[in-house]
Amino acid sequence: FVHALSKMQVWYAHAQTLVYMLTKTPPAWGDVVPYAERGWPTFEQHITMFNKRQSMKCWANVVDVNDPSARPPPPLTAEAFDQLLASKVFTNDADPSVVSVLYKDTLATAFGLAMNLRYVGMHWSDEEFAQLARVLPHGRQCIRLNFKGAHNQYTARSAKVLAELLRSGAMPKLEVLGAGCTAKDSADPRPLMSDPDLQAACEARGISLQRDAD
């Protein structure tokens, strides 16, 4: 059991597993702590997005069974996750520290060692992009980063955040950036790819700025 517990994150964070989240329980179950308030499900939900390849052309690999249209949240930094975890319910008092360590380990491996990171068609906004940007510096081995997709809702704000991140030297091995996403209700169909600051940051680093990084 102890050995299995130390590897629990693999089931959820592995790039080739399918994760189905049962976010609601039947009324007949009575007084059950809701999914969103429980510690272990919070951990499982947040690590699923570290290295899952999303695509509108294939089966979703992260599914909220009670709301199939829902999209998982962007990954959190270890510090932000610990703050979130403090508000969650555990049945074992020792579990919060176990989960905190597992999250840090998973961030360093499933995310930190990934050579390809793909967040395509996530329906994320500028606020969610900013959340993701705080985690991206951990992607030290990433070569290809992809934000392509007609369902992303980024604007020039996200382009500026990404440009500053690249200028800071984050993601030192990055070679290709896919930025052909579409902003909702925007006159500019490619707010990332057409941004002068992002173009300049990529040019300075020798990063190929493309519509699609696949």
Protein backbone atom coordinates (compact mmCIF):
# COMPACT_ATOMS: atom_id res chain seq x y z
CA PHE A 1 0.00 0.00 0.00
CA VAL A 2 2.77 2.44 0.93
CA HIS A 3 4.62 1.77 -2.33
CA ALA A 4 1.42 2.20 -4.35
CA LEU A 5 0.67 5.46 -2.53
CA SER A 6 4.06 6.87 -3.53
CA LYS A 7 3.26 6.21 -7.21
CA MET A 8 -0.41 7.23 -7.13
CA GLN A 9 0.19 10.24 -9.39
CA VAL A 10 1.18 8.07 -12.38
CA TRP A 11 -2.41 6.98 -13.01
CA TYR A 12 -3.50 10.57 -13.52
CA ALA A 13 -0.47 12.45 -14.83
CA HIS A 14 0.75 9.92 -17.40
CA ALA A 15 0.43 11.25 -20.95
CA GLN A 16 -1.27 8.10 -22.22
CA THR A 17 -3.91 7.45 -19.56
CA LEU A 18 -7.57 8.45 -19.77
CA VAL A 19 -8.96 10.19 -16.69
CA TYR A 20 -12.69 10.19 -15.92
CA MET A 21 -13.72 12.38 -12.99
CA LEU A 22 -16.91 11.53 -11.07
CA THR A 23 -17.52 15.02 -9.76
CA LYS A 24 -21.02 14.38 -8.36
CA THR A 25 -22.47 11.59 -6.26
CA PRO A 26 -26.02 10.17 -6.40
CA PRO A 27 -28.49 11.82 -3.99
CA ALA A 28 -29.04 8.45 -2.31
CA TRP A 29 -25.48 8.54 -1.01
CA GLY A 30 -26.53 11.14 1.54
CA ASP A 31 -24.11 13.42 3.37
CA VAL A 32 -20.91 12.96 1.34
CA VAL A 33 -18.17 15.58 1.14
CA PRO A 34 -18.47 17.10 -2.38
CA TYR A 35 -15.80 16.24 -4.93
CA ALA A 36 -14.49 19.81 -5.16
CA GLU A 37 -13.95 19.99 -1.40
CA ARG A 38 -11.92 16.77 -1.06
CA GLY A 39 -8.14 16.71 -1.00
CA TRP A 40 -7.22 13.66 -3.05
CA PRO A 41 -9.62 14.43 -5.94
CA THR A 42 -8.25 17.99 -6.01
CA PHE A 43 -4.75 16.58 -6.41
CA GLU A 44 -5.84 14.11 -9.07
CA GLN A 45 -7.72 16.76 -11.05
CA HIS A 46 -4.84 19.22 -11.10
CA ILE A 47 -2.10 16.83 -12.16
CA THR A 48 -4.11 15.44 -15.08
CA MET A 49 -3.27 18.53 -17.14
CA PHE A 50 0.50 18.39 -16.71
CA ASN A 51 1.17 16.42 -19.88
CA LYS A 52 -2.08 15.35 -21.52
CA ARG A 53 -2.26 15.94 -25.28
CA GLN A 54 -5.56 17.64 -26.03
CA SER A 55 -7.10 17.53 -29.51
CA MET A 56 -10.49 18.27 -31.03
CA LYS A 57 -9.88 15.39 -33.47
CA CYS A 58 -9.81 12.54 -30.97
CA TRP A 59 -11.45 11.29 -27.78
CA ALA A 60 -10.95 13.56 -24.78
CA ASN A 61 -8.44 12.10 -22.35
CA VAL A 62 -9.71 14.11 -19.37
CA VAL A 63 -13.47 13.95 -18.87
CA ASP A 64 -15.77 15.28 -16.17
CA VAL A 65 -18.46 12.58 -16.35
CA ASN A 66 -21.09 14.89 -14.87
CA ASP A 67 -20.21 17.75 -17.22
CA PRO A 68 -18.44 16.44 -20.35
CA SER A 69 -18.10 19.95 -21.77
CA ALA A 70 -16.06 21.14 -18.77
CA ARG A 71 -12.36 21.76 -19.26
CA PRO A 72 -9.73 21.01 -16.60
CA PRO A 73 -8.01 23.96 -14.96
CA PRO A 74 -4.42 24.91 -15.86
CA PRO A 75 -1.67 23.46 -13.67
CA LEU A 76 -0.74 25.30 -10.49
CA THR A 77 2.63 26.10 -9.01
CA ALA A 78 3.54 24.04 -5.93
CA GLU A 79 2.97 27.08 -3.71
CA ALA A 80 -0.46 27.82 -5.17
CA PHE A 81 -1.43 24.17 -4.90
CA ASP A 82 -0.46 24.05 -1.21
CA GLN A 83 -2.65 27.10 -0.57
CA LEU A 84 -5.56 25.40 -2.33
CA LEU A 85 -4.94 22.15 -0.48
CA ALA A 86 -5.21 23.87 2.90
CA SER A 87 -8.94 24.39 2.29
CA LYS A 88 -9.67 20.75 1.37
CA VAL A 89 -10.97 17.84 3.44
CA PHE A 90 -8.94 14.69 4.19
CA THR A 91 -9.93 11.66 6.26
CA ASN A 92 -6.33 11.10 7.38
CA ASP A 93 -4.44 13.97 9.02
CA ALA A 94 -1.17 12.78 7.46
CA ASP A 95 -2.50 12.95 3.90
CA PRO A 96 -2.07 16.69 3.20
CA SER A 97 1.71 16.48 3.55
CA VAL A 98 1.79 13.30 1.44
CA VAL A 99 -0.25 14.94 -1.32
CA SER A 100 1.89 18.09 -1.21
CA VAL A 101 5.07 16.07 -1.75
CA LEU A 102 3.46 14.03 -4.52
CA TYR A 103 2.39 17.21 -6.30
CA LYS A 104 5.91 18.66 -6.18
CA ASP A 105 7.39 15.38 -7.44
CA THR A 106 4.85 15.17 -10.26
CA LEU A 107 5.47 18.78 -11.27
CA ALA A 108 9.20 18.04 -11.45
CA THR A 109 8.79 14.85 -13.49
CA ALA A 110 5.57 14.62 -15.54
CA PHE A 111 5.76 18.33 -16.34
CA GLY A 112 9.40 19.21 -15.84
CA LEU A 113 10.77 16.38 -18.00
CA ALA A 114 8.17 16.60 -20.78
CA MET A 115 9.64 17.43 -24.18
CA ASN A 116 6.26 18.34 -25.67
CA LEU A 117 3.57 20.36 -23.91
CA ARG A 118 0.26 20.80 -25.69
CA TYR A 119 -2.70 22.91 -24.53
CA VAL A 120 -4.94 22.96 -27.59
CA GLY A 121 -8.57 24.11 -27.67
CA MET A 122 -8.84 24.41 -23.90
CA HIS A 123 -11.34 27.30 -23.81
CA TRP A 124 -8.94 29.07 -21.45
CA SER A 125 -8.94 32.85 -21.01
CA ASP A 126 -6.15 35.34 -20.34
CA GLU A 127 -6.53 34.72 -16.61
CA GLU A 128 -6.05 30.99 -17.04
CA PHE A 129 -3.14 31.58 -19.40
CA ALA A 130 -1.47 33.70 -16.72
CA GLN A 131 -1.92 30.83 -14.26
CA LEU A 132 -0.30 28.43 -16.71
CA ALA A 133 2.54 30.89 -17.37
CA ARG A 134 3.55 30.70 -13.71
CA VAL A 135 4.14 26.98 -14.13
CA LEU A 136 5.84 27.03 -17.55
CA PRO A 137 9.32 27.84 -16.14
CA HIS A 138 9.29 24.31 -14.68
CA GLY A 139 9.24 22.95 -18.26
CA ARG A 140 13.01 22.95 -18.51
CA GLN A 141 13.14 20.04 -20.98
CA CYS A 142 10.31 21.23 -23.22
CA ILE A 143 11.22 21.52 -26.91
CA ARG A 144 7.77 22.07 -28.41
CA LEU A 145 5.00 24.13 -26.78
CA ASN A 146 1.61 24.33 -28.47
CA PHE A 147 -1.33 26.69 -27.88
CA LYS A 148 -3.03 26.15 -31.24
CA GLY A 149 -6.81 25.92 -31.33
CA ALA A 150 -9.95 27.75 -32.32
CA HIS A 151 -11.44 27.46 -28.82
CA ASN A 152 -8.75 29.27 -26.86
CA GLN A 153 -9.81 32.76 -25.78
CA TYR A 154 -6.46 34.50 -25.44
CA THR A 155 -5.81 38.12 -26.34
CA ALA A 156 -2.70 40.28 -26.65
CA ARG A 157 -2.45 40.23 -22.85
CA SER A 158 -1.42 36.58 -22.98
CA ALA A 159 1.04 37.30 -25.76
CA LYS A 160 2.78 39.89 -23.54
CA VAL A 161 2.94 37.44 -20.64
CA LEU A 162 4.47 34.77 -22.86
CA ALA A 163 6.95 37.21 -24.41
CA GLU A 164 8.17 38.31 -20.99
CA LEU A 165 8.51 34.68 -19.92
CA LEU A 166 10.71 33.91 -22.92
CA ARG A 167 12.81 37.03 -22.37
CA SER A 168 13.46 35.86 -18.81
CA GLY A 169 15.17 32.74 -20.15
CA ALA A 170 12.47 30.29 -19.06
CA MET A 171 12.13 26.99 -20.91
CA PRO A 172 15.76 27.07 -22.13
CA LYS A 173 15.36 24.16 -24.58
CA LEU A 174 12.27 25.47 -26.34
CA GLU A 175 12.62 25.30 -30.14
CA VAL A 176 9.08 25.54 -31.52
CA LEU A 177 6.11 27.55 -30.26
CA GLY A 178 2.68 26.87 -31.74
CA ALA A 179 0.62 30.04 -31.34
CA GLY A 180 -2.09 29.86 -34.00
CA CYS A 181 -4.96 30.19 -31.56
CA THR A 182 -8.09 32.26 -32.07
CA ALA A 183 -9.39 34.84 -29.62
CA LYS A 184 -13.11 34.94 -28.95
CA ASP A 185 -14.80 38.05 -30.41
CA SER A 186 -11.45 39.46 -31.51
CA ALA A 187 -10.66 41.27 -34.73
CA ASP A 188 -7.25 39.61 -34.66
CA PRO A 189 -7.65 35.88 -35.39
CA ARG A 190 -4.18 35.07 -34.03
CA PRO A 191 -3.52 37.30 -31.01
CA LEU A 192 -0.43 35.37 -29.92
CA MET A 193 1.22 34.72 -33.26
CA SER A 194 0.77 38.28 -34.55
CA ASP A 195 2.01 40.05 -31.42
CA PRO A 196 5.24 42.03 -32.09
CA ASP A 197 6.61 41.48 -28.58
CA LEU A 198 6.19 37.72 -28.82
CA GLN A 199 7.66 37.68 -32.33
CA ALA A 200 10.70 39.60 -31.10
CA ALA A 201 11.15 37.39 -28.03
CA CYS A 202 11.05 34.26 -30.18
CA GLU A 203 13.47 35.72 -32.72
CA ALA A 204 15.91 36.69 -29.98
CA ARG A 205 15.87 33.15 -28.62
CA GLY A 206 15.90 31.41 -31.99
CA ILE A 207 12.48 29.90 -31.32
CA SER A 208 10.40 29.04 -34.39
CA LEU A 209 6.99 30.74 -34.02
CA GLN A 210 4.44 28.69 -35.95
CA ARG A 211 0.70 28.17 -36.17
CA ASP A 212 1.07 24.59 -34.96
CA ALA A 213 3.96 23.06 -33.00
CA ASP A 214 3.02 19.43 -33.68
